[in-house]
Structures are given as C-alpha cells and as structure tokens.
Amino acid sequence: MNPETLWVSIGEHGWRSPEISSEILAHQGLAFNQNNAVVLAQEQFDQDVIADFGNAMAYFIESGQVWALIIGFVLGYLLRGVTTYR
C-alpha cells in the first residue's frame, strides 16, 4: 500500500490523510512504535527555488499569459486616463 495513494478528497476544499494504524506504518517501515507513541519518518528532498521560479516564468510566457498582462495594463491605464477628472 503506497502512502501517496492514501489521501482522500474532502470535497472541493482539499485533501486529508485517512486514519492509518501504527501497525500498517510499522509494517511498511514508515514508523516505529516507542512507548505507544507513533513517530513518523520524514522524507528529505532538495528544493530549488530559483529553478522553480524559472520554470514558472517560462510557462507564463509560453502560455501567452504575458500578453494578457500587458493588455490589462494598457487597458487599465487608458481607462484610468478616461475616468480621471483634471
């Protein structure tokens, strides 16, 4: 049983982890039992914020959203100019 497949949808607001017994976790090697307290192991991973930002900007440009941003700025500036009293 893969722990990633255990998450359950709770409607459109998010996900929750179901109740997992300590025996299942101990059997899978994800936790050990010490004085009747379950201790979960943590997965270590590298977080590359700069690369993630670069990927997000590349997608922003490739998807054409940058044009919507530019058009929105121009139209907003023009609308402000038309509706401002001098």
Protein backbone atom coordinates (compact mmCIF):
# COMPACT_ATOMS: atom_id res chain seq x y z
CA MET A 1 0.00 0.00 0.00
CA ASN A 2 1.63 3.25 -1.16
CA PRO A 3 1.25 6.17 1.33
CA GLU A 4 0.74 8.62 -1.54
CA THR A 5 -2.43 6.81 -2.62
CA LEU A 6 -3.96 7.07 0.86
CA TRP A 7 -5.01 10.73 0.59
CA VAL A 8 -8.77 11.19 0.38
CA SER A 9 -10.64 14.08 -1.23
CA ILE A 10 -12.82 16.09 1.17
CA GLY A 11 -14.78 17.97 -1.45
CA GLU A 12 -13.52 20.96 -3.35
CA HIS A 13 -11.65 22.39 -0.35
CA GLY A 14 -8.76 19.98 -0.09
CA TRP A 15 -7.43 16.60 0.86
CA ARG A 16 -6.96 14.76 4.11
CA SER A 17 -4.97 11.77 5.17
CA PRO A 18 -7.11 8.87 6.40
CA GLU A 19 -6.60 7.33 9.80
CA ILE A 20 -3.69 4.91 9.49
CA SER A 21 -2.96 2.44 12.21
CA SER A 22 0.53 2.23 13.64
CA GLU A 23 0.70 -1.46 12.64
CA ILE A 24 0.37 -0.56 8.94
CA LEU A 25 3.04 2.12 9.24
CA ALA A 26 5.40 -0.17 11.15
CA HIS A 27 4.86 -2.96 8.60
CA GLN A 28 5.76 -0.59 5.74
CA GLY A 29 8.82 0.70 7.58
CA LEU A 30 7.48 4.26 7.76
CA ALA A 31 7.25 4.46 11.55
CA PHE A 32 8.31 2.69 14.66
CA ASN A 33 6.50 2.31 17.95
CA GLN A 34 8.21 3.68 21.06
CA ASN A 35 6.28 3.69 24.34
CA ASN A 36 2.95 3.56 22.47
CA ALA A 37 3.77 6.75 20.52
CA VAL A 38 3.99 6.66 16.73
CA VAL A 39 6.98 8.50 15.25
CA LEU A 40 6.79 9.17 11.51
CA ALA A 41 9.88 9.38 9.31
CA GLN A 42 10.38 12.47 7.19
CA GLU A 43 11.35 12.38 3.51
CA GLN A 44 14.29 14.60 2.59
CA PHE A 45 14.35 16.39 -0.77
CA ASP A 46 16.19 19.24 -2.44
CA GLN A 47 14.19 22.39 -3.06
CA ASP A 48 15.49 24.54 -5.92
CA VAL A 49 13.51 27.78 -5.66
CA ILE A 50 15.38 29.53 -8.48
CA ALA A 51 14.74 26.69 -10.95
CA ASP A 52 11.07 26.52 -9.90
CA PHE A 53 10.72 30.28 -10.49
CA GLY A 54 12.41 29.92 -13.89
CA ASN A 55 10.03 27.12 -14.86
CA ALA A 56 7.04 29.20 -13.75
CA MET A 57 8.20 32.21 -15.79
CA ALA A 58 8.84 30.02 -18.85
CA TYR A 59 5.30 28.61 -18.59
CA PHE A 60 3.92 32.14 -18.04
CA ILE A 61 5.48 33.29 -21.31
CA GLU A 62 4.78 30.09 -23.32
CA SER A 63 1.10 30.00 -22.33
CA GLY A 64 0.50 33.56 -23.54
CA GLN A 65 -0.44 34.94 -20.15
CA VAL A 66 2.18 37.66 -20.53
CA TRP A 67 0.10 39.14 -23.37
CA ALA A 68 -2.98 39.22 -21.16
CA LEU A 69 -0.94 41.03 -18.51
CA ILE A 70 0.34 43.63 -20.97
CA ILE A 71 -3.12 44.19 -22.50
CA GLY A 72 -4.58 44.51 -18.99
CA PHE A 73 -2.02 47.16 -18.04
CA VAL A 74 -2.65 49.15 -21.24
CA LEU A 75 -6.44 48.99 -20.95
CA GLY A 76 -6.30 49.85 -17.25
CA TYR A 77 -4.07 52.86 -17.95
CA LEU A 78 -6.40 54.05 -20.73
CA LEU A 79 -9.50 53.57 -18.56
CA ARG A 80 -7.85 55.48 -15.72
CA GLY A 81 -6.98 58.28 -18.11
CA VAL A 82 -10.55 58.50 -19.40
CA THR A 83 -12.21 58.43 -15.98
CA THR A 84 -9.80 60.76 -14.10
CA TYR A 85 -11.03 64.32 -13.61
CA ARG A 86 -8.44 67.05 -14.06
